[in-house]
Amino acid sequence: MGIFSYIALVIVFLVATLSMVAFAGTNLYQDVDITWGDGRGKIVNNGQLLTLSLDRESGSGFQSKNQFLYAKIDTQIKLVPGNSAGTVTAYYLRSEGLSWDELDFEFLGNLSGDPYIVHTNVYTQGKGEREQQFYLWFDPTEDFHTYSIHWSHVHAVFYVDGKPIREFKNLEGVGVPYPKNQPMRLLSSLWNADDWATRGGVVKTDWSQAPFEASFKNFRANGCVWSNGVSSCNTNTSDNAWLSQQLDSRGQKRLKWVQKKYMIYNYCTDTKRFPQGLPVECTVRTKS
């Protein structure tokens, strides 16, 4: 065998190996478990695609196999198309117990032609009431888009297609509880919430449109896996530099752009809801 033929074979082998590694990294069978729905949640296409469905009898859901104490979670999601009023596709990190921590994306369905509402919330020690809501700058039912939660001891940031839409900073120094002590698992579900989800419950689910379906693929978790009370992360290594990263100036500009153009509700400006004064995190001045 000539040297060039040998090199070509080596290249082919390396490419094939890398492809297998990439394939394994996106195999949902390895990353998540269907947890409820009596067959309405399915992993198909050799582990490359997960679908959740909802009908009059039940919704469905899944969760990550691993728990994390800080993580960067990215998943591509295609939301329920058509008249999805009353349905909610939830995608969130949550710990266990009665005083749980939670970082929430909830996608509130709507009548055909109306925009989806992206509802976000942050819970610390079982207390939420930190809602921010947004419209999207695209139709989330036509194709897959990437929804991300990046959670570290510095902040929790919610991203859509790489654009930050919300940042919740660690402000423990001024008395604001922050989710940092409880490991969380990624969960997702598709369920009926027509008692509140669409226009405060005015628009009900049209069951003639069922089954409703949302699709998921390309789950990525770069996180500190929590197992037997120990984190897999060493904060001193360069591989985990993201644990201390802040939003840079470009990220801050993108965040402000999204919030100026697409935010439709912000608890931090709802003075009627908080007549005794806005929550501390809404009023404290911090460096960007």
Protein backbone atom coordinates (compact mmCIF):
# COMPACT_ATOMS: atom_id res chain seq x y z
CA MET A 1 0.00 0.00 0.00
CA GLY A 2 1.36 3.42 -0.96
CA ILE A 3 1.82 6.17 1.60
CA PHE A 4 -0.94 8.29 0.07
CA SER A 5 -3.41 5.41 0.12
CA TYR A 6 -2.50 4.77 3.75
CA ILE A 7 -3.03 8.44 4.67
CA ALA A 8 -6.37 8.41 2.86
CA LEU A 9 -7.48 5.37 4.83
CA VAL A 10 -6.43 7.01 8.09
CA ILE A 11 -8.42 10.14 7.22
CA VAL A 12 -11.48 8.08 6.35
CA PHE A 13 -11.17 6.21 9.65
CA LEU A 14 -10.84 9.43 11.66
CA VAL A 15 -13.80 11.04 9.94
CA ALA A 16 -15.90 7.93 10.54
CA THR A 17 -14.83 7.84 14.20
CA LEU A 18 -15.66 11.50 14.71
CA SER A 19 -19.02 10.98 13.04
CA MET A 20 -19.77 8.11 15.39
CA VAL A 21 -18.81 10.25 18.38
CA ALA A 22 -21.03 13.10 17.18
CA PHE A 23 -23.87 10.64 16.58
CA ALA A 24 -23.49 9.20 20.06
CA GLY A 25 -23.54 12.68 21.56
CA THR A 26 -26.97 13.35 20.08
CA ASN A 27 -28.53 9.98 20.86
CA LEU A 28 -31.52 10.81 23.01
CA TYR A 29 -31.75 7.24 24.28
CA GLN A 30 -28.50 7.92 26.13
CA ASP A 31 -29.47 11.36 27.46
CA VAL A 32 -33.13 11.30 28.50
CA ASP A 33 -35.97 9.09 29.71
CA ILE A 34 -39.64 9.33 28.76
CA THR A 35 -41.26 9.67 32.18
CA TRP A 36 -45.00 9.80 31.58
CA GLY A 37 -47.71 9.81 28.92
CA ASP A 38 -48.49 6.11 28.39
CA GLY A 39 -46.75 5.93 25.01
CA ARG A 40 -47.47 9.51 23.94
CA GLY A 41 -43.79 10.38 24.28
CA LYS A 42 -41.55 8.64 21.76
CA ILE A 43 -37.87 8.54 20.80
CA VAL A 44 -37.53 7.74 17.09
CA ASN A 45 -35.07 7.92 14.18
CA ASN A 46 -32.40 5.89 15.99
CA GLY A 47 -32.42 8.24 18.94
CA GLN A 48 -32.20 11.43 16.88
CA LEU A 49 -35.72 12.77 17.51
CA LEU A 50 -38.11 12.88 20.45
CA THR A 51 -41.80 13.72 20.14
CA LEU A 52 -44.31 14.55 22.87
CA SER A 53 -48.03 14.45 22.18
CA LEU A 54 -51.17 15.62 23.96
CA ASP A 55 -54.75 14.46 23.56
CA ARG A 56 -57.86 14.74 25.70
CA GLU A 57 -56.73 11.87 27.91
CA SER A 58 -53.14 12.87 28.70
CA GLY A 59 -50.03 14.78 27.82
CA SER A 60 -46.48 13.43 28.04
CA GLY A 61 -43.01 14.30 29.27
CA PHE A 62 -39.34 13.39 29.58
CA GLN A 63 -36.37 14.20 31.78
CA SER A 64 -32.59 14.07 31.55
CA LYS A 65 -30.87 11.02 32.97
CA ASN A 66 -28.34 13.24 34.74
CA GLN A 67 -28.73 15.85 37.44
CA PHE A 68 -26.52 18.93 37.29
CA LEU A 69 -25.21 21.52 39.71
CA TYR A 70 -24.60 24.15 37.00
CA ALA A 71 -24.95 23.41 33.33
CA LYS A 72 -25.30 24.72 29.80
CA ILE A 73 -28.33 22.98 28.31
CA ASP A 74 -29.25 23.41 24.65
CA THR A 75 -32.14 21.69 22.84
CA GLN A 76 -33.72 22.26 19.46
CA ILE A 77 -37.52 22.34 19.68
CA LYS A 78 -40.30 22.63 17.13
CA LEU A 79 -43.49 23.72 18.86
CA VAL A 80 -47.09 22.58 18.35
CA PRO A 81 -48.35 24.01 15.02
CA GLY A 82 -51.77 25.37 14.08
CA ASN A 83 -54.39 26.10 16.69
CA SER A 84 -52.42 25.26 19.81
CA ALA A 85 -54.47 27.40 22.21
CA GLY A 86 -54.58 25.93 25.70
CA THR A 87 -51.46 23.81 25.27
CA VAL A 88 -48.19 24.44 27.09
CA THR A 89 -44.81 23.04 26.11
CA ALA A 90 -42.63 23.28 29.21
CA TYR A 91 -38.82 23.05 29.13
CA TYR A 92 -37.03 23.65 32.41
CA LEU A 93 -34.46 22.79 35.03
CA ARG A 94 -35.83 21.76 38.42
CA SER A 95 -34.59 20.31 41.68
CA GLU A 96 -36.52 17.94 43.93
CA GLY A 97 -38.27 18.58 47.22
CA LEU A 98 -40.73 21.10 48.65
CA SER A 99 -38.25 24.02 48.58
CA TRP A 100 -37.20 23.48 45.00
CA ASP A 101 -35.22 25.60 42.56
CA GLU A 102 -36.40 25.97 38.97
CA LEU A 103 -35.47 27.78 35.75
CA ASP A 104 -38.47 27.81 33.45
CA PHE A 105 -39.26 28.11 29.76
CA GLU A 106 -42.98 27.65 29.04
CA PHE A 107 -44.31 28.07 25.52
CA LEU A 108 -47.96 29.10 25.60
CA GLY A 109 -49.92 27.99 22.55
CA ASN A 110 -52.36 30.26 20.78
CA LEU A 111 -54.94 30.49 18.04
CA SER A 112 -53.68 29.98 14.50
CA GLY A 113 -51.97 33.10 13.24
CA ASP A 114 -51.36 34.55 16.70
CA PRO A 115 -47.81 34.54 18.11
CA TYR A 116 -46.62 32.12 20.75
CA ILE A 117 -45.84 33.62 24.13
CA VAL A 118 -42.58 32.54 25.75
CA HIS A 119 -43.13 32.55 29.51
CA THR A 120 -40.05 32.44 31.76
CA ASN A 121 -39.80 32.16 35.52
CA VAL A 122 -37.17 31.65 38.22
CA TYR A 123 -37.87 29.76 41.45
CA THR A 124 -35.57 29.73 44.45
CA GLN A 125 -36.38 27.60 47.49
CA GLY A 126 -39.93 27.06 46.25
CA LYS A 127 -40.70 30.73 45.58
CA GLY A 128 -41.27 31.99 42.06
CA GLU A 129 -43.32 35.02 40.95
CA ARG A 130 -40.47 36.25 38.77
CA GLU A 131 -42.21 36.05 35.41
CA GLN A 132 -41.03 37.63 32.19
CA GLN A 133 -42.85 37.02 28.91
CA PHE A 134 -41.82 37.53 25.31
CA TYR A 135 -42.99 37.18 21.75
CA LEU A 136 -40.57 35.55 19.33
CA TRP A 137 -39.17 37.09 16.14
CA PHE A 138 -40.03 33.97 14.11
CA ASP A 139 -42.69 31.27 13.84
CA PRO A 140 -41.49 28.56 16.28
CA THR A 141 -43.77 25.94 14.69
CA GLU A 142 -42.28 25.97 11.19
CA ASP A 143 -38.82 24.69 12.08
CA PHE A 144 -36.52 23.76 14.94
CA HIS A 145 -34.96 26.54 17.01
CA THR A 146 -32.44 26.29 19.83
CA TYR A 147 -33.58 27.09 23.37
CA SER A 148 -30.87 27.22 26.02
CA ILE A 149 -30.48 27.61 29.75
CA HIS A 150 -26.97 28.49 30.94
CA TRP A 151 -26.80 28.24 34.72
CA SER A 152 -23.71 28.96 36.81
CA HIS A 153 -22.92 30.42 40.21
CA VAL A 154 -22.69 33.83 38.49
CA HIS A 155 -26.07 33.97 36.76
CA ALA A 156 -28.78 32.06 34.90
CA VAL A 157 -29.32 33.15 31.29
CA PHE A 158 -32.13 32.10 28.96
CA TYR A 159 -31.24 32.04 25.25
CA VAL A 160 -33.19 31.67 22.01
CA ASP A 161 -31.06 30.79 18.99
CA GLY A 162 -28.01 32.08 20.83
CA LYS A 163 -29.60 35.43 21.72
CA PRO A 164 -29.99 36.09 25.46
CA ILE A 165 -33.55 37.05 26.35
CA ARG A 166 -33.28 37.04 30.13
CA GLU A 167 -30.56 37.15 32.77
CA PHE A 168 -31.07 36.41 36.47
CA LYS A 169 -27.93 37.42 38.33
CA ASN A 170 -26.63 36.00 41.58
CA LEU A 171 -27.40 38.86 43.96
CA GLU A 172 -27.02 37.00 47.23
CA GLY A 173 -24.85 39.85 48.42
CA VAL A 174 -27.94 42.06 48.67
CA GLY A 175 -30.21 39.38 50.07
CA VAL A 176 -31.73 37.83 46.93
CA PRO A 177 -31.89 34.00 47.12
CA TYR A 178 -30.14 32.29 44.20
CA PRO A 179 -30.38 28.67 42.99
CA LYS A 180 -26.95 27.28 43.78
CA ASN A 181 -27.21 24.45 46.32
CA GLN A 182 -29.68 22.02 44.78
CA PRO A 183 -28.86 19.89 41.73
CA MET A 184 -31.42 20.16 38.97
CA ARG A 185 -32.59 17.91 36.20
CA LEU A 186 -33.79 19.00 32.73
CA LEU A 187 -37.47 18.21 32.24
CA SER A 188 -39.93 18.84 29.44
CA SER A 189 -43.65 18.21 29.05
CA LEU A 190 -46.59 18.92 26.79
CA TRP A 191 -49.83 19.41 28.69
CA ASN A 192 -53.24 21.06 28.73
CA ALA A 193 -53.46 24.36 30.63
CA ASP A 194 -56.52 25.97 29.09
CA ASP A 195 -57.61 27.20 32.52
CA TRP A 196 -54.92 29.91 32.34
CA ALA A 197 -52.50 29.62 29.40
CA THR A 198 -54.27 31.42 26.54
CA ARG A 199 -55.58 34.89 27.35
CA GLY A 200 -55.90 33.97 30.99
CA GLY A 201 -58.01 30.91 30.23
CA VAL A 202 -60.54 32.64 27.96
CA VAL A 203 -59.58 30.52 24.94
CA LYS A 204 -60.05 26.80 25.49
CA THR A 205 -58.30 23.86 23.87
CA ASP A 206 -59.92 22.73 20.61
CA TRP A 207 -59.71 18.96 20.99
CA SER A 208 -60.73 18.45 17.35
CA GLN A 209 -57.12 19.49 16.56
CA ALA A 210 -55.65 16.73 18.75
CA PRO A 211 -53.28 15.03 19.00
CA PHE A 212 -51.00 18.01 19.49
CA GLU A 213 -47.28 17.33 19.02
CA ALA A 214 -43.97 19.03 19.84
CA SER A 215 -40.60 17.74 18.61
CA PHE A 216 -37.12 17.81 20.15
CA LYS A 217 -33.64 17.04 18.87
CA ASN A 218 -29.94 17.84 19.38
CA PHE A 219 -30.00 17.82 23.17
CA ARG A 220 -26.67 19.07 24.49
CA ALA A 221 -25.67 19.22 28.15
CA ASN A 222 -22.30 20.68 29.05
CA GLY A 223 -22.68 20.52 32.75
CA CYS A 224 -21.40 19.61 36.16
CA VAL A 225 -22.99 16.20 36.63
CA TRP A 226 -24.11 15.61 40.20
CA SER A 227 -23.75 12.07 41.46
CA ASN A 228 -23.64 10.72 45.02
CA GLY A 229 -23.26 14.22 46.43
CA VAL A 230 -20.27 15.10 44.26
CA SER A 231 -19.93 17.40 41.23
CA SER A 232 -17.97 16.30 38.17
CA CYS A 233 -16.64 19.84 37.70
CA ASN A 234 -13.35 21.28 38.79
CA THR A 235 -13.71 25.04 38.61
CA ASN A 236 -9.96 25.44 38.16
CA THR A 237 -9.88 23.76 34.75
CA SER A 238 -10.12 25.69 31.49
CA ASP A 239 -12.81 23.28 30.28
CA ASN A 240 -15.20 24.85 32.78
CA ALA A 241 -14.32 28.48 32.14
CA TRP A 242 -18.01 29.07 31.31
CA LEU A 243 -18.78 28.74 35.03
CA SER A 244 -17.39 32.22 35.65
CA GLN A 245 -18.32 33.89 32.36
CA GLN A 246 -20.41 37.05 32.30
CA LEU A 247 -22.41 38.39 29.38
CA ASP A 248 -19.98 40.45 27.33
CA SER A 249 -20.88 43.85 25.85
CA ARG A 250 -22.29 42.23 22.71
CA GLY A 251 -24.41 39.89 24.81
CA GLN A 252 -25.72 42.78 26.87
CA LYS A 253 -26.67 44.68 23.70
CA ARG A 254 -28.51 41.66 22.34
CA LEU A 255 -30.30 41.20 25.66
CA LYS A 256 -31.45 44.82 25.68
CA TRP A 257 -32.55 44.59 22.03
CA VAL A 258 -34.72 41.53 22.67
CA GLN A 259 -36.23 42.98 25.82
CA LYS A 260 -36.99 46.32 24.15
CA LYS A 261 -38.63 44.82 21.07
CA TYR A 262 -40.21 41.58 22.27
CA MET A 263 -40.81 41.63 26.04
CA ILE A 264 -44.53 41.86 26.81
CA TYR A 265 -44.50 41.38 30.59
CA ASN A 266 -41.88 42.02 33.26
CA TYR A 267 -42.60 41.47 36.94
CA CYS A 268 -39.94 44.07 37.68
CA THR A 269 -42.15 46.84 36.27
CA ASP A 270 -45.48 45.62 37.69
CA THR A 271 -46.00 48.12 40.49
CA LYS A 272 -49.68 47.16 40.86
CA ARG A 273 -48.64 43.63 41.72
CA PHE A 274 -46.08 44.80 44.27
CA PRO A 275 -47.68 47.83 45.99
CA GLN A 276 -45.23 47.57 48.89
CA GLY A 277 -42.29 47.90 46.52
CA LEU A 278 -40.67 45.92 43.73
CA PRO A 279 -38.49 42.89 44.56
CA VAL A 280 -34.91 43.76 45.48
CA GLU A 281 -33.41 42.27 42.31
CA CYS A 282 -35.53 44.68 40.26
CA THR A 283 -34.14 47.81 41.86
CA VAL A 284 -30.53 47.07 42.75
CA ARG A 285 -27.95 48.53 40.39
CA THR A 286 -25.33 46.07 39.18
CA LYS A 287 -22.40 46.19 36.83
CA SER A 288 -23.08 44.62 33.42
